Amino acid sequence: MAAPKKPQAAASLAEKVTAIDAGAEVVACGFLDQTPVFALADGAMLFAGAPAHRRAVAHDNAAILIGHCLGGRIVTGGDDGRVVETRADGSAAELASEKGKWIDALALRDDGAAAWAAGKTVRARDARGEVKEFTAPSGVRGLCFMPKGYRLAIAHYNGVSLWFPNTAAEPDGLVWRGSHLDVTISPDGRFAVSAMQEAALHGWRIADKKDMRMTGYPAKTRSFSWSHDGKWLATSGADACIVWPFDSKDGPMGKGPRECGVRPARVSRVAFHPRELVLAAGYEDGWVMISRLTDGAEILVRSAPADAAAAITALAWSGDGRRLMFGARDGAAGVLDLPV
């Protein structure tokens, strides 16, 4: 019996993309009340609405370093030490000011809570506005709220700390030697996975702290995304989306990953569809692709000319999964409207 043919790429969806010139590097993006909003490195927020775009200043005379969108808001951290929440109407509110420091990491909860890190200091602000503080063993580059309870995962040198801000107990430690740059928690709360300096992932089964190693990346992983059912973790850092299985009690231990969207360029951003096993990937050469895990079908969203290639730095789906937005290091951006 002949081997099955690899599925061919579907017709391009590039004609369904509305191109946007954001005017500066796109650091983060998301949909606020169905309006695509881009957080820009120059400190501004770009609302890409009709009939005209509008800009709002979130960090005056400062650069936005990091941003996340959740629960009807985009929260950004800058080199001015400020943490700022921007809403759909363009209003901005300062959540914190760490004078003389940079904001290195952010995390959000959909109830309005937020957390941020500046150096070794982590602060968590609950939905009522009460702030608690934790000093990590070393500088913090990754934060993630855990899905159950008001608890944070904090990535630092030699592992990850699991901190309950509202208790006096010492944080629980997930230990592995080396520098941990970011962290993510599975939607069911069973697994923690960190991205490491040596271009590998390290994972723990939280219940018994069983270690798992995920290696073979040519570059550091700087983007994670869980599938809507929590059974797959997509990662950047290779010439394809590397997607690890987490559908069993042992997670990816003893199993190999799947690869989606193989191209001669490294993946820089990944984002799973909110309802389907469909994965969007942005590449270092400015391309954007969509892959379907069920049959391996691939669809081109955006190609970039070789002489103007700039890495995709932000990628986000709308809540209903009908729109995909992206932004690049050179300020190029766009919004895909999928056919109904």
Protein backbone atom coordinates (compact mmCIF):
# COMPACT_ATOMS: atom_id res chain seq x y z
CA MET A 1 0.00 0.00 0.00
CA ALA A 2 1.36 3.38 -0.97
CA ALA A 3 2.18 5.81 1.81
CA PRO A 4 -0.46 8.52 2.26
CA LYS A 5 0.39 11.84 0.71
CA LYS A 6 1.05 14.79 2.92
CA PRO A 7 -1.95 17.17 2.82
CA GLN A 8 -1.44 20.05 0.42
CA ALA A 9 -1.75 23.65 1.53
CA ALA A 10 -5.23 25.08 1.02
CA ALA A 11 -5.83 28.22 -1.02
CA SER A 12 -4.34 31.30 0.53
CA LEU A 13 -6.48 33.47 2.80
CA ALA A 14 -4.22 36.47 2.22
CA GLU A 15 -6.97 38.29 0.32
CA LYS A 16 -9.10 38.18 3.49
CA VAL A 17 -6.47 40.10 5.47
CA THR A 18 -6.85 43.82 6.15
CA ALA A 19 -3.31 45.21 6.21
CA ILE A 20 -2.47 47.79 8.89
CA ASP A 21 0.56 50.03 9.31
CA ALA A 22 0.95 50.23 13.07
CA GLY A 23 3.84 52.69 12.85
CA ALA A 24 6.03 50.94 15.43
CA GLU A 25 6.97 47.46 16.59
CA VAL A 26 3.94 45.51 17.80
CA VAL A 27 4.61 44.13 21.29
CA ALA A 28 1.19 42.61 22.01
CA CYS A 29 -2.30 42.56 20.55
CA GLY A 30 -5.85 41.52 21.32
CA PHE A 31 -9.52 42.21 20.68
CA LEU A 32 -11.39 44.65 22.94
CA ASP A 33 -15.15 44.70 22.23
CA GLN A 34 -14.34 43.20 18.80
CA THR A 35 -11.89 46.05 18.04
CA PRO A 36 -8.33 44.94 17.21
CA VAL A 37 -5.91 46.75 19.53
CA PHE A 38 -2.13 46.77 19.15
CA ALA A 39 0.30 47.65 21.97
CA LEU A 40 3.29 49.36 20.38
CA ALA A 41 6.90 49.68 21.43
CA ASP A 42 6.66 53.48 21.22
CA GLY A 43 4.27 53.52 24.19
CA ALA A 44 1.02 53.89 22.26
CA MET A 45 -2.05 51.71 21.75
CA LEU A 46 -3.47 51.52 18.22
CA PHE A 47 -7.23 50.86 17.95
CA ALA A 48 -7.74 49.53 14.41
CA GLY A 49 -11.40 50.37 14.00
CA ALA A 50 -13.66 51.71 11.28
CA PRO A 51 -13.92 54.23 9.76
CA ALA A 52 -10.48 55.29 11.04
CA HIS A 53 -7.76 54.08 13.36
CA ARG A 54 -7.14 55.92 16.62
CA ARG A 55 -4.18 56.01 18.97
CA ALA A 56 -4.08 56.33 22.75
CA VAL A 57 -0.94 56.88 24.80
CA ALA A 58 -0.42 54.29 27.53
CA HIS A 59 3.24 55.00 28.36
CA ASP A 60 4.19 58.61 27.66
CA ASN A 61 7.79 59.00 26.45
CA ALA A 62 8.51 55.36 27.32
CA ALA A 63 8.66 52.01 25.59
CA ILE A 64 6.20 49.17 26.10
CA LEU A 65 8.19 46.03 26.85
CA ILE A 66 5.44 43.47 27.43
CA GLY A 67 1.67 43.21 27.23
CA HIS A 68 -1.22 40.78 27.66
CA CYS A 69 -4.90 40.92 26.71
CA LEU A 70 -7.61 39.22 28.81
CA GLY A 71 -11.02 40.03 30.20
CA GLY A 72 -11.74 43.13 28.13
CA ARG A 73 -8.44 44.88 28.81
CA ILE A 74 -4.85 45.05 27.64
CA VAL A 75 -2.28 45.43 30.40
CA THR A 76 1.19 46.66 29.47
CA GLY A 77 4.50 47.06 31.26
CA GLY A 78 7.12 49.56 30.21
CA ASP A 79 10.69 50.72 30.71
CA ASP A 80 9.17 53.53 32.79
CA GLY A 81 8.33 50.98 35.49
CA ARG A 82 4.60 51.48 35.02
CA VAL A 83 1.92 48.82 34.66
CA VAL A 84 -1.04 50.26 32.71
CA GLU A 85 -4.48 48.86 31.97
CA THR A 86 -6.16 50.02 28.75
CA ARG A 87 -9.88 49.45 28.10
CA ALA A 88 -11.95 49.35 24.92
CA ASP A 89 -12.90 53.04 25.15
CA GLY A 90 -9.22 54.01 25.13
CA SER A 91 -9.09 54.94 28.79
CA ALA A 92 -5.91 54.03 30.63
CA ALA A 93 -5.39 53.44 34.35
CA GLU A 94 -2.10 52.95 36.13
CA LEU A 95 -2.04 49.75 38.18
CA ALA A 96 1.47 50.18 39.52
CA SER A 97 4.68 52.16 39.25
CA GLU A 98 8.05 50.54 39.96
CA LYS A 99 10.17 53.66 39.78
CA GLY A 100 13.59 53.23 38.23
CA LYS A 101 12.88 49.65 37.10
CA TRP A 102 11.68 47.85 33.99
CA ILE A 103 8.65 45.59 33.95
CA ASP A 104 10.01 42.18 32.95
CA ALA A 105 6.94 39.94 33.16
CA LEU A 106 3.14 40.15 33.37
CA ALA A 107 0.25 37.81 34.07
CA LEU A 108 -3.53 38.36 34.08
CA ARG A 109 -6.64 36.65 35.43
CA ASP A 110 -10.07 37.09 33.88
CA ASP A 111 -11.50 38.33 37.20
CA GLY A 112 -9.39 41.50 36.97
CA ALA A 113 -6.33 40.38 38.95
CA ALA A 114 -2.86 41.07 37.59
CA ALA A 115 0.74 40.33 38.52
CA TRP A 116 4.04 41.78 37.37
CA ALA A 117 7.76 41.40 38.00
CA ALA A 118 10.56 43.96 38.15
CA GLY A 119 13.91 42.34 38.84
CA LYS A 120 13.44 39.86 41.69
CA THR A 121 10.28 41.53 43.00
CA VAL A 122 6.89 40.05 42.09
CA ARG A 123 3.65 41.83 43.00
CA ALA A 124 0.15 40.41 42.69
CA ARG A 125 -2.88 42.72 42.62
CA ASP A 126 -6.22 41.01 43.20
CA ALA A 127 -9.58 42.05 41.74
CA ARG A 128 -10.20 44.35 44.76
CA GLY A 129 -6.91 46.16 44.21
CA GLU A 130 -5.01 44.66 47.16
CA VAL A 131 -1.33 44.10 46.37
CA LYS A 132 0.94 41.41 47.84
CA GLU A 133 4.70 41.05 47.29
CA PHE A 134 7.15 38.18 46.86
CA THR A 135 10.93 38.31 46.43
CA ALA A 136 12.17 35.57 44.11
CA PRO A 137 15.61 33.93 44.40
CA SER A 138 16.73 35.69 41.19
CA GLY A 139 15.42 37.92 38.43
CA VAL A 140 11.98 36.90 37.14
CA ARG A 141 11.23 36.69 33.42
CA GLY A 142 8.09 34.55 33.42
CA LEU A 143 4.77 34.68 35.31
CA CYS A 144 1.56 32.72 34.93
CA PHE A 145 -1.61 32.52 37.01
CA MET A 146 -2.64 28.95 37.78
CA PRO A 147 -6.15 27.92 36.72
CA LYS A 148 -7.30 26.87 40.20
CA GLY A 149 -7.15 29.28 43.10
CA TYR A 150 -5.39 32.62 43.37
CA ARG A 151 -1.89 31.30 42.78
CA LEU A 152 1.09 32.29 40.63
CA ALA A 153 3.83 30.31 38.88
CA ILE A 154 7.08 32.29 38.85
CA ALA A 155 10.03 31.36 36.62
CA HIS A 156 13.54 32.18 37.84
CA TYR A 157 17.01 30.65 38.07
CA ASN A 158 16.95 26.98 39.12
CA GLY A 159 13.24 26.46 38.77
CA VAL A 160 9.70 27.71 39.28
CA SER A 161 8.01 28.90 42.50
CA LEU A 162 4.27 28.35 43.07
CA TRP A 163 3.05 31.23 45.27
CA PHE A 164 -0.27 31.83 47.02
CA PRO A 165 -0.27 35.64 47.53
CA ASN A 166 -2.99 35.48 50.19
CA THR A 167 -1.24 33.03 52.51
CA ALA A 168 1.84 33.30 54.68
CA ALA A 169 3.12 29.90 53.55
CA GLU A 170 6.41 29.68 51.70
CA PRO A 171 5.99 29.07 47.94
CA ASP A 172 6.25 25.50 46.75
CA GLY A 173 9.31 24.90 44.57
CA LEU A 174 9.67 23.05 41.27
CA VAL A 175 13.42 22.62 41.00
CA TRP A 176 15.61 22.15 37.95
CA ARG A 177 19.10 23.55 37.55
CA GLY A 178 19.47 26.34 35.00
CA SER A 179 17.86 29.58 33.87
CA HIS A 180 14.07 29.45 33.34
CA LEU A 181 12.81 32.24 31.09
CA ASP A 182 9.07 31.69 31.04
CA VAL A 183 6.41 29.38 32.45
CA THR A 184 2.97 28.09 31.53
CA ILE A 185 0.46 25.89 33.38
CA SER A 186 -1.84 23.36 31.73
CA PRO A 187 -5.54 24.33 31.77
CA ASP A 188 -6.34 21.47 34.16
CA GLY A 189 -3.57 22.60 36.53
CA ARG A 190 -1.70 19.27 36.41
CA PHE A 191 1.48 20.31 34.60
CA ALA A 192 3.95 23.20 34.69
CA VAL A 193 6.25 23.80 31.72
CA SER A 194 9.12 26.27 31.58
CA ALA A 195 11.22 27.58 28.70
CA MET A 196 14.93 27.48 29.42
CA GLN A 197 17.98 29.44 28.36
CA GLU A 198 19.56 26.39 26.70
CA ALA A 199 16.76 26.10 24.10
CA ALA A 200 14.80 23.35 25.82
CA LEU A 201 11.62 22.98 27.82
CA HIS A 202 11.39 21.50 31.28
CA GLY A 203 8.17 20.22 32.76
CA TRP A 204 6.84 18.96 36.04
CA ARG A 205 3.78 16.94 36.97
CA ILE A 206 2.77 19.21 39.83
CA ALA A 207 1.20 16.55 42.07
CA ASP A 208 4.43 14.58 42.54
CA LYS A 209 6.99 16.95 40.95
CA LYS A 210 7.95 14.34 38.37
CA ASP A 211 10.37 15.90 35.87
CA MET A 212 10.05 15.81 32.10
CA ARG A 213 12.49 17.10 29.48
CA MET A 214 11.50 18.38 26.04
CA THR A 215 14.59 19.01 23.95
CA GLY A 216 15.75 19.39 20.34
CA TYR A 217 14.94 23.08 19.78
CA PRO A 218 17.40 25.10 17.70
CA ALA A 219 16.36 28.32 19.48
CA LYS A 220 14.77 29.40 22.76
CA THR A 221 11.01 29.01 23.12
CA ARG A 222 9.41 32.40 23.75
CA SER A 223 5.78 31.65 22.88
CA PHE A 224 3.39 29.03 24.31
CA SER A 225 -0.25 28.23 23.54
CA TRP A 226 -2.57 25.52 24.91
CA SER A 227 -5.33 24.00 22.81
CA HIS A 228 -8.89 24.71 23.94
CA ASP A 229 -9.23 21.17 25.32
CA GLY A 230 -5.88 21.32 27.15
CA LYS A 231 -4.52 18.25 25.38
CA TRP A 232 -1.83 19.99 23.30
CA LEU A 233 0.86 22.59 24.00
CA ALA A 234 2.18 24.49 20.97
CA THR A 235 5.61 26.14 21.18
CA SER A 236 7.89 28.38 19.13
CA GLY A 237 11.65 28.05 18.65
CA ALA A 238 11.96 25.74 15.62
CA ASP A 239 11.30 25.69 11.87
CA ALA A 240 7.78 24.44 12.67
CA CYS A 241 5.28 24.64 15.49
CA ILE A 242 6.34 21.97 17.97
CA VAL A 243 3.17 20.60 19.58
CA TRP A 244 3.47 18.35 22.66
CA PRO A 245 0.75 15.91 23.79
CA PHE A 246 -0.68 16.33 27.30
CA ASP A 247 -3.69 14.02 26.99
CA SER A 248 -2.50 11.39 29.48
CA LYS A 249 -1.54 11.36 33.15
CA ASP A 250 2.14 11.34 32.15
CA GLY A 251 1.88 14.24 29.70
CA PRO A 252 4.55 14.07 26.99
CA MET A 253 6.81 11.65 28.88
CA GLY A 254 7.86 8.91 26.48
CA LYS A 255 6.11 10.57 23.54
CA GLY A 256 7.32 12.64 20.64
CA PRO A 257 5.81 15.97 19.54
CA ARG A 258 3.93 16.78 16.37
CA GLU A 259 5.19 19.38 13.90
CA CYS A 260 2.90 21.81 12.08
CA GLY A 261 3.66 24.48 9.52
CA VAL A 262 7.17 23.32 8.57
CA ARG A 263 8.96 26.15 6.73
CA PRO A 264 12.51 27.42 6.12
CA ALA A 265 12.09 30.00 8.91
CA ARG A 266 11.72 29.73 12.66
CA VAL A 267 8.38 30.14 14.37
CA SER A 268 8.30 33.23 16.60
CA ARG A 269 4.68 33.23 17.84
CA VAL A 270 1.96 30.58 18.26
CA ALA A 271 -1.75 30.85 19.08
CA PHE A 272 -4.32 28.06 19.26
CA HIS A 273 -7.86 28.75 18.05
CA PRO A 274 -10.19 29.21 21.07
CA ARG A 275 -12.62 26.47 19.96
CA GLU A 276 -10.98 24.22 17.37
CA LEU A 277 -7.75 22.23 16.94
CA VAL A 278 -6.44 24.93 14.63
CA LEU A 279 -3.10 26.57 15.25
CA ALA A 280 -1.84 29.93 14.00
CA ALA A 281 1.91 30.48 13.69
CA GLY A 282 3.94 33.59 12.98
CA TYR A 283 7.49 33.27 11.66
CA GLU A 284 10.71 35.23 11.91
CA ASP A 285 10.46 36.13 8.21
CA GLY A 286 7.04 37.74 8.63
CA TRP A 287 4.90 34.89 7.34
CA VAL A 288 1.71 33.75 9.09
CA MET A 289 0.22 30.28 8.62
CA ILE A 290 -2.76 28.33 9.98
CA SER A 291 -2.51 24.56 10.51
CA ARG A 292 -5.24 22.06 11.39
CA LEU A 293 -4.10 19.32 13.76
CA THR A 294 -6.81 16.84 12.75
CA ASP A 295 -5.58 16.36 9.17
CA GLY A 296 -2.42 18.48 8.83
CA ALA A 297 -3.97 20.94 6.35
CA GLU A 298 -2.09 24.25 6.11
CA ILE A 299 -3.35 27.66 4.97
CA LEU A 300 -1.28 30.72 4.17
CA VAL A 301 -2.43 33.92 5.87
CA ARG A 302 0.44 36.29 5.09
CA SER A 303 3.67 36.15 3.15
CA ALA A 304 6.36 38.80 3.37
CA PRO A 305 8.88 39.85 0.72
CA ALA A 306 12.42 38.72 1.48
CA ASP A 307 13.75 42.28 1.40
CA ALA A 308 11.22 43.44 4.01
CA ALA A 309 11.06 40.44 6.31
CA ALA A 310 10.45 41.19 9.98
CA ALA A 311 9.53 38.72 12.69
CA ILE A 312 5.94 38.31 13.81
CA THR A 313 5.92 39.52 17.42
CA ALA A 314 2.22 39.30 18.33
CA LEU A 315 -0.65 36.97 17.40
CA ALA A 316 -4.20 36.70 18.79
CA TRP A 317 -7.61 35.19 17.96
CA SER A 318 -10.93 36.83 18.68
CA GLY A 319 -13.04 35.12 21.32
CA ASP A 320 -15.34 33.57 18.73
CA GLY A 321 -12.41 32.39 16.60
CA ARG A 322 -13.61 34.20 13.48
CA ARG A 323 -10.76 36.72 13.36
CA LEU A 324 -6.99 36.51 13.70
CA MET A 325 -4.75 39.51 14.23
CA PHE A 326 -0.97 39.75 13.99
CA GLY A 327 1.80 42.31 14.26
CA ALA A 328 5.47 42.40 13.34
CA ARG A 329 8.69 43.97 14.55
CA ASP A 330 8.67 46.53 11.70
CA GLY A 331 5.13 47.76 12.49
CA ALA A 332 3.40 45.77 9.77
CA ALA A 333 0.15 44.27 11.05
CA GLY A 334 -3.11 42.84 9.85
CA VAL A 335 -6.47 41.30 10.70
CA LEU A 336 -7.80 38.16 9.02
CA ASP A 337 -11.58 37.78 8.75
CA LEU A 338 -12.32 34.10 8.21
CA PRO A 339 -15.11 33.13 5.82
CA VAL A 340 -18.28 32.24 7.70
